[in-house]
Amino acid sequence: MADQDFWFEPVSLLPDCSLNEGLLWVWADRVPVSNYERHKNAFATLSDWECEQLNIPPVPKGIQRAAHYLTEERLRFKFSQITPKDLPSHLEYHVTEGLQQAVAVREWLPQITTEMEVPAAKLFLKLRTGEIKAGGKLLPSGVQIIDFIEQDNSYSRSDFDDLTDTVIPPDFWTMAGIDWIANAVSARGRCYCDVSMPVAPLMSLFPGTRTPVGRAEFVGAYLLVKQSDEEDAAHAPPKRASGRPPVFGWDAFHVEVADLIRNGRLPHKKEAAIQHMLSWFETTEAGKKPSRSAVSEKLTPYYRRFISDRS
């Protein structure tokens, strides 16, 4: 079998996607598929090679937590609640790290504005005219976007868990009021967070670029695509760097997860567990950590057994 042949496992489209997932579809034909890597903030899952194709700098750490809203006052208050008073250096570490992420995201945002401006405007018009009916969680008066996002990413129950999605009126949308990164829209003193839209009308209005690739045939439940040597290599996925992949202490990882379960400390939200274990790896592996997808894959059986069955 030729090296340029590809096997594809069928995947499903999301019935609804987040605001920035919709933007990335209009902008870069990034299909909103349903898989275990699905994330509310699609920018957080962009790889460096995808950023290169979009002509934007790599996504900085802190996007997932909307670091552009962080302030020193907020960080000090937050971490002073969970840092032992006899370890002031720990507090300073977390505050410094948070402020560094905030600066990185604020410097990154203007750099992507030019590239995303046209697709963002196209999607905005469909939202404003009601051709795409989006929904979101209307925040109580006085609550800020960062308040919602911090609790949505926390390990424990959120004050906003009882908020339900409601349709966002088309005339509520303004281009200036949209935070594409935080999946939020604000206007007239009100704010919707966790904004999402139905995928079917999105892909109907923006069908994307379709490019024929070789010869395709179903083999069982899989799709086999055969490419000839003459086909444009630009459509092939980027090659991974050669060399032996890093080896991590997965046995110790499983022991750590088992300890979290035994002591009732395994976060109910899988994303929180992923972030926790990535930080654990950085601590135990001298700053090195595996990919987010590798950690997510190894956590999946635990969540199927101990979280899904409990829900």
Protein backbone atom coordinates (compact mmCIF):
# COMPACT_ATOMS: atom_id res chain seq x y z
CA MET A 1 0.00 0.00 0.00
CA ALA A 2 1.38 3.39 -0.99
CA ASP A 3 2.48 5.80 1.76
CA GLN A 4 0.16 8.49 0.43
CA ASP A 5 -3.00 6.43 1.01
CA PHE A 6 -5.10 7.51 4.00
CA TRP A 7 -7.63 5.72 6.18
CA PHE A 8 -10.39 7.79 7.74
CA GLU A 9 -12.71 6.78 10.55
CA PRO A 10 -16.20 8.29 10.26
CA VAL A 11 -16.95 11.12 12.66
CA SER A 12 -20.11 13.07 13.36
CA LEU A 13 -20.64 16.79 13.06
CA LEU A 14 -21.54 18.62 16.25
CA PRO A 15 -25.23 19.56 16.36
CA ASP A 16 -24.14 22.89 17.88
CA CYS A 17 -20.72 24.49 17.97
CA SER A 18 -19.20 27.32 19.99
CA LEU A 19 -18.91 30.84 18.65
CA ASN A 20 -15.20 30.50 17.88
CA GLU A 21 -15.67 27.04 16.37
CA GLY A 22 -18.11 28.66 13.96
CA LEU A 23 -15.60 31.41 13.20
CA LEU A 24 -12.84 28.88 12.47
CA TRP A 25 -15.15 27.05 10.05
CA VAL A 26 -15.88 30.26 8.13
CA TRP A 27 -12.26 31.39 8.38
CA ALA A 28 -10.31 28.20 7.73
CA ASP A 29 -12.75 25.36 6.90
CA ARG A 30 -11.98 23.79 10.29
CA VAL A 31 -14.83 21.29 10.50
CA PRO A 32 -16.73 21.27 13.84
CA VAL A 33 -16.64 17.52 14.44
CA SER A 34 -17.71 15.68 17.57
CA ASN A 35 -14.87 13.87 19.34
CA TYR A 36 -13.34 13.57 22.78
CA GLU A 37 -10.97 16.43 21.97
CA ARG A 38 -13.89 18.82 21.48
CA HIS A 39 -13.44 21.96 23.48
CA LYS A 40 -15.55 25.05 24.10
CA ASN A 41 -12.64 27.27 23.14
CA ALA A 42 -11.56 26.04 19.72
CA PHE A 43 -8.59 28.43 19.65
CA ALA A 44 -7.06 26.48 22.54
CA THR A 45 -6.83 23.39 20.31
CA LEU A 46 -5.11 25.05 17.34
CA SER A 47 -1.73 23.48 16.64
CA ASP A 48 1.27 25.53 15.57
CA TRP A 49 1.02 24.33 11.96
CA GLU A 50 -2.66 25.36 11.83
CA CYS A 51 -1.70 28.82 13.11
CA GLU A 52 0.94 29.02 10.40
CA GLN A 53 -1.68 28.25 7.75
CA LEU A 54 -3.91 30.97 9.22
CA ASN A 55 -0.96 33.37 9.16
CA ILE A 56 -1.23 34.05 12.88
CA PRO A 57 1.29 33.58 15.73
CA PRO A 58 1.03 30.39 17.83
CA VAL A 59 -1.77 30.48 20.38
CA PRO A 60 -0.38 31.57 23.77
CA LYS A 61 -1.02 29.73 27.00
CA GLY A 62 -3.94 31.30 28.84
CA ILE A 63 -6.46 31.45 25.99
CA GLN A 64 -8.62 28.81 27.63
CA ARG A 65 -8.92 30.87 30.82
CA ALA A 66 -9.53 34.16 28.94
CA ALA A 67 -6.32 35.56 30.36
CA HIS A 68 -6.87 38.91 28.64
CA TYR A 69 -9.38 39.68 31.41
CA LEU A 70 -7.01 38.84 34.27
CA THR A 71 -5.73 41.55 36.59
CA GLU A 72 -3.24 41.42 39.43
CA GLU A 73 -6.00 42.22 41.92
CA ARG A 74 -8.15 39.31 40.71
CA LEU A 75 -5.21 36.89 40.68
CA ARG A 76 -4.11 37.84 44.18
CA PHE A 77 -7.59 37.44 45.57
CA LYS A 78 -8.14 34.10 43.83
CA PHE A 79 -4.88 32.45 44.81
CA SER A 80 -4.80 33.91 48.32
CA GLN A 81 -7.89 31.79 49.01
CA ILE A 82 -6.13 28.53 48.13
CA THR A 83 -2.47 29.23 48.99
CA PRO A 84 -1.25 28.44 52.53
CA LYS A 85 -0.36 31.64 54.35
CA ASP A 86 3.06 30.24 55.27
CA LEU A 87 3.97 29.83 51.57
CA PRO A 88 3.87 33.38 50.19
CA SER A 89 6.30 32.38 47.40
CA HIS A 90 3.60 30.10 45.98
CA LEU A 91 1.17 33.00 45.80
CA GLU A 92 3.73 35.17 44.01
CA TYR A 93 4.47 32.36 41.55
CA HIS A 94 0.80 31.97 40.58
CA VAL A 95 0.27 35.74 40.33
CA THR A 96 3.36 36.20 38.17
CA GLU A 97 2.42 33.29 35.91
CA GLY A 98 -1.12 34.63 35.51
CA LEU A 99 0.09 38.12 34.64
CA GLN A 100 2.54 36.71 32.10
CA GLN A 101 -0.30 34.82 30.42
CA ALA A 102 -2.45 37.95 30.45
CA VAL A 103 0.26 39.99 28.73
CA ALA A 104 0.88 37.25 26.15
CA VAL A 105 -2.80 37.00 25.21
CA ARG A 106 -3.27 40.78 25.06
CA GLU A 107 -0.27 41.06 22.74
CA TRP A 108 -1.52 38.15 20.61
CA LEU A 109 -5.07 39.42 20.08
CA PRO A 110 -4.23 42.48 17.92
CA GLN A 111 -2.02 40.29 15.75
CA ILE A 112 -4.91 38.04 14.72
CA THR A 113 -7.47 40.84 14.23
CA THR A 114 -6.46 41.60 10.65
CA GLU A 115 -6.52 37.95 9.58
CA MET A 116 -9.92 37.18 11.15
CA GLU A 117 -11.62 40.48 10.30
CA VAL A 118 -13.29 39.45 7.03
CA PRO A 119 -14.60 35.98 8.11
CA ALA A 120 -15.69 37.45 11.45
CA ALA A 121 -17.66 40.16 9.63
CA LYS A 122 -19.32 37.58 7.38
CA LEU A 123 -20.42 35.45 10.33
CA PHE A 124 -21.52 38.53 12.29
CA LEU A 125 -23.89 39.57 9.48
CA LYS A 126 -25.60 36.17 9.51
CA LEU A 127 -26.03 36.41 13.29
CA ARG A 128 -27.28 39.99 13.12
CA THR A 129 -29.85 39.23 10.39
CA GLY A 130 -31.09 36.13 12.23
CA GLU A 131 -30.08 33.73 9.45
CA ILE A 132 -28.11 31.90 12.14
CA LYS A 133 -29.89 31.82 15.49
CA ALA A 134 -27.33 31.55 18.27
CA GLY A 135 -27.94 30.95 21.94
CA GLY A 136 -26.07 31.49 25.17
CA LYS A 137 -26.29 31.85 28.93
CA LEU A 138 -27.45 35.31 29.98
CA LEU A 139 -25.31 36.35 32.94
CA PRO A 140 -26.90 37.91 36.01
CA SER A 141 -26.49 41.65 36.39
CA GLY A 142 -23.01 42.64 37.55
CA VAL A 143 -21.36 39.34 36.58
CA GLN A 144 -18.38 39.64 34.25
CA ILE A 145 -17.22 37.31 31.49
CA ILE A 146 -14.14 36.30 33.48
CA ASP A 147 -16.35 35.41 36.48
CA PHE A 148 -18.24 32.89 34.34
CA ILE A 149 -15.15 31.44 32.62
CA GLU A 150 -13.16 30.96 35.82
CA GLN A 151 -15.99 29.01 37.44
CA ASP A 152 -16.73 27.10 34.23
CA ASN A 153 -13.10 25.87 34.26
CA SER A 154 -13.01 25.14 37.98
CA TYR A 155 -12.95 21.72 39.61
CA SER A 156 -16.06 22.32 41.68
CA ARG A 157 -19.67 23.28 41.16
CA SER A 158 -20.21 26.64 39.52
CA ASP A 159 -22.57 29.41 40.61
CA PHE A 160 -23.74 29.41 36.99
CA ASP A 161 -24.53 25.70 36.58
CA ASP A 162 -28.26 26.44 36.71
CA LEU A 163 -28.18 28.96 33.86
CA THR A 164 -29.87 27.65 30.73
CA ASP A 165 -29.29 28.54 27.10
CA THR A 166 -31.63 31.13 25.64
CA VAL A 167 -31.86 32.49 22.12
CA ILE A 168 -29.85 35.68 21.58
CA PRO A 169 -32.04 38.27 19.79
CA PRO A 170 -30.54 39.15 16.38
CA ASP A 171 -30.58 42.89 17.15
CA PHE A 172 -28.46 42.23 20.28
CA TRP A 173 -25.41 41.49 18.13
CA THR A 174 -22.83 44.21 17.52
CA MET A 175 -19.42 43.62 16.02
CA ALA A 176 -17.75 45.57 18.82
CA GLY A 177 -19.58 43.53 21.47
CA ILE A 178 -18.32 40.12 20.38
CA ASP A 179 -15.46 38.42 22.18
CA TRP A 180 -14.63 35.65 19.70
CA ILE A 181 -12.00 34.20 22.00
CA ALA A 182 -14.16 33.97 25.13
CA ASN A 183 -17.34 32.85 23.27
CA ALA A 184 -19.26 35.84 24.59
CA VAL A 185 -21.26 38.83 23.35
CA SER A 186 -22.17 41.97 25.28
CA ALA A 187 -24.50 44.89 24.60
CA ARG A 188 -26.63 47.37 26.54
CA GLY A 189 -25.22 46.30 29.88
CA ARG A 190 -26.03 42.60 29.38
CA CYS A 191 -23.81 39.68 28.44
CA TYR A 192 -24.25 36.18 27.06
CA CYS A 193 -21.52 33.60 27.66
CA ASP A 194 -20.97 30.07 26.39
CA VAL A 195 -22.42 31.20 23.05
CA SER A 196 -23.17 28.45 20.52
CA MET A 197 -24.91 28.07 17.18
CA PRO A 198 -26.44 25.20 15.18
CA VAL A 199 -24.00 23.64 12.75
CA ALA A 200 -26.49 22.78 9.98
CA PRO A 201 -27.40 26.37 8.97
CA LEU A 202 -23.80 27.46 9.54
CA MET A 203 -22.49 24.95 6.99
CA SER A 204 -25.39 25.61 4.65
CA LEU A 205 -24.66 29.34 4.53
CA PHE A 206 -20.89 28.76 4.46
CA PRO A 207 -20.36 25.51 2.52
CA GLY A 208 -16.58 25.79 2.61
CA THR A 209 -14.04 24.84 -0.01
CA ARG A 210 -14.44 21.34 -1.44
CA THR A 211 -11.37 19.74 -3.01
CA PRO A 212 -11.51 16.30 -4.70
CA VAL A 213 -8.77 13.97 -3.44
CA GLY A 214 -7.80 10.82 -5.32
CA ARG A 215 -10.05 7.77 -5.37
CA ALA A 216 -12.14 6.84 -2.33
CA GLU A 217 -13.86 3.63 -1.27
CA PHE A 218 -15.44 2.31 1.90
CA VAL A 219 -13.65 -0.59 3.58
CA GLY A 220 -15.94 -1.74 6.35
CA ALA A 221 -16.79 1.35 8.38
CA TYR A 222 -13.66 3.19 7.23
CA LEU A 223 -13.04 5.35 4.18
CA LEU A 224 -9.86 4.65 2.21
CA VAL A 225 -8.58 7.52 0.07
CA LYS A 226 -5.96 6.64 -2.53
CA GLN A 227 -3.77 9.43 -3.81
CA SER A 228 -1.49 9.35 -6.80
CA ASP A 229 2.08 10.60 -6.72
CA GLU A 230 1.11 13.50 -8.95
CA GLU A 231 -1.51 14.94 -6.60
CA ASP A 232 -0.75 18.20 -4.90
CA ALA A 233 1.33 17.48 -1.81
CA ALA A 234 0.06 20.73 -0.27
CA HIS A 235 -3.15 18.94 0.74
CA ALA A 236 -1.28 16.24 2.65
CA PRO A 237 -1.17 16.61 6.45
CA PRO A 238 2.09 17.96 7.86
CA LYS A 239 4.74 15.38 8.62
CA ARG A 240 5.64 14.81 12.21
CA ALA A 241 9.16 15.53 13.28
CA SER A 242 11.37 12.46 13.23
CA GLY A 243 13.02 11.06 16.29
CA ARG A 244 12.00 9.12 19.34
CA PRO A 245 8.97 10.58 21.14
CA PRO A 246 9.45 11.61 24.75
CA VAL A 247 8.81 8.92 27.33
CA PHE A 248 6.69 9.88 30.31
CA GLY A 249 5.91 8.13 33.57
CA TRP A 250 2.50 6.76 32.63
CA ASP A 251 2.55 4.14 35.39
CA ALA A 252 2.91 6.92 37.95
CA PHE A 253 0.20 8.84 36.09
CA HIS A 254 -2.30 6.01 36.59
CA VAL A 255 -1.37 5.74 40.26
CA GLU A 256 -1.98 9.48 40.66
CA VAL A 257 -5.40 9.24 38.96
CA ALA A 258 -6.32 6.26 41.16
CA ASP A 259 -5.36 8.31 44.23
CA LEU A 260 -7.59 11.18 43.02
CA ILE A 261 -10.52 8.78 42.63
CA ARG A 262 -9.94 7.11 46.00
CA ASN A 263 -9.91 10.46 47.79
CA GLY A 264 -12.84 11.89 45.84
CA ARG A 265 -10.68 14.56 44.22
CA LEU A 266 -11.05 13.59 40.56
CA PRO A 267 -12.65 16.68 38.92
CA HIS A 268 -16.13 16.08 37.58
CA LYS A 269 -15.17 17.93 34.41
CA LYS A 270 -12.66 16.05 32.29
CA GLU A 271 -11.02 19.25 31.03
CA ALA A 272 -10.19 20.23 34.60
CA ALA A 273 -8.59 16.81 35.11
CA ILE A 274 -6.54 17.22 31.94
CA GLN A 275 -5.17 20.58 33.13
CA HIS A 276 -4.50 19.12 36.60
CA MET A 277 -2.52 16.17 35.19
CA LEU A 278 -0.58 18.36 32.75
CA SER A 279 0.50 20.48 35.73
CA TRP A 280 1.35 17.25 37.62
CA PHE A 281 3.58 16.15 34.76
CA GLU A 282 5.37 19.52 34.70
CA THR A 283 6.07 19.13 38.42
CA THR A 284 7.19 15.49 38.32
CA GLU A 285 8.96 15.51 34.93
CA ALA A 286 11.16 18.58 35.41
CA GLY A 287 8.96 20.87 33.36
CA LYS A 288 8.22 18.38 30.56
CA LYS A 289 4.70 17.27 29.79
CA PRO A 290 2.98 15.08 27.19
CA SER A 291 0.43 16.39 24.71
CA ARG A 292 -3.04 17.34 25.85
CA SER A 293 -4.54 14.67 23.57
CA ALA A 294 -2.36 11.93 25.12
CA VAL A 295 -3.52 12.83 28.64
CA SER A 296 -7.13 13.08 27.48
CA GLU A 297 -6.97 9.63 25.87
CA LYS A 298 -5.63 8.00 29.02
CA LEU A 299 -8.24 9.72 31.20
CA THR A 300 -11.16 8.65 29.00
CA PRO A 301 -11.58 5.12 30.51
CA TYR A 302 -11.66 6.60 34.02
CA TYR A 303 -14.41 9.06 33.08
CA ARG A 304 -16.43 6.41 31.32
CA ARG A 305 -16.24 4.13 34.38
CA PHE A 306 -16.33 6.49 37.33
CA ILE A 307 -17.97 9.70 36.09
CA SER A 308 -20.42 8.73 33.32
CA ASP A 309 -21.86 5.88 35.39
CA ARG A 310 -22.32 8.27 38.31
CA SER A 311 -24.14 10.92 36.26
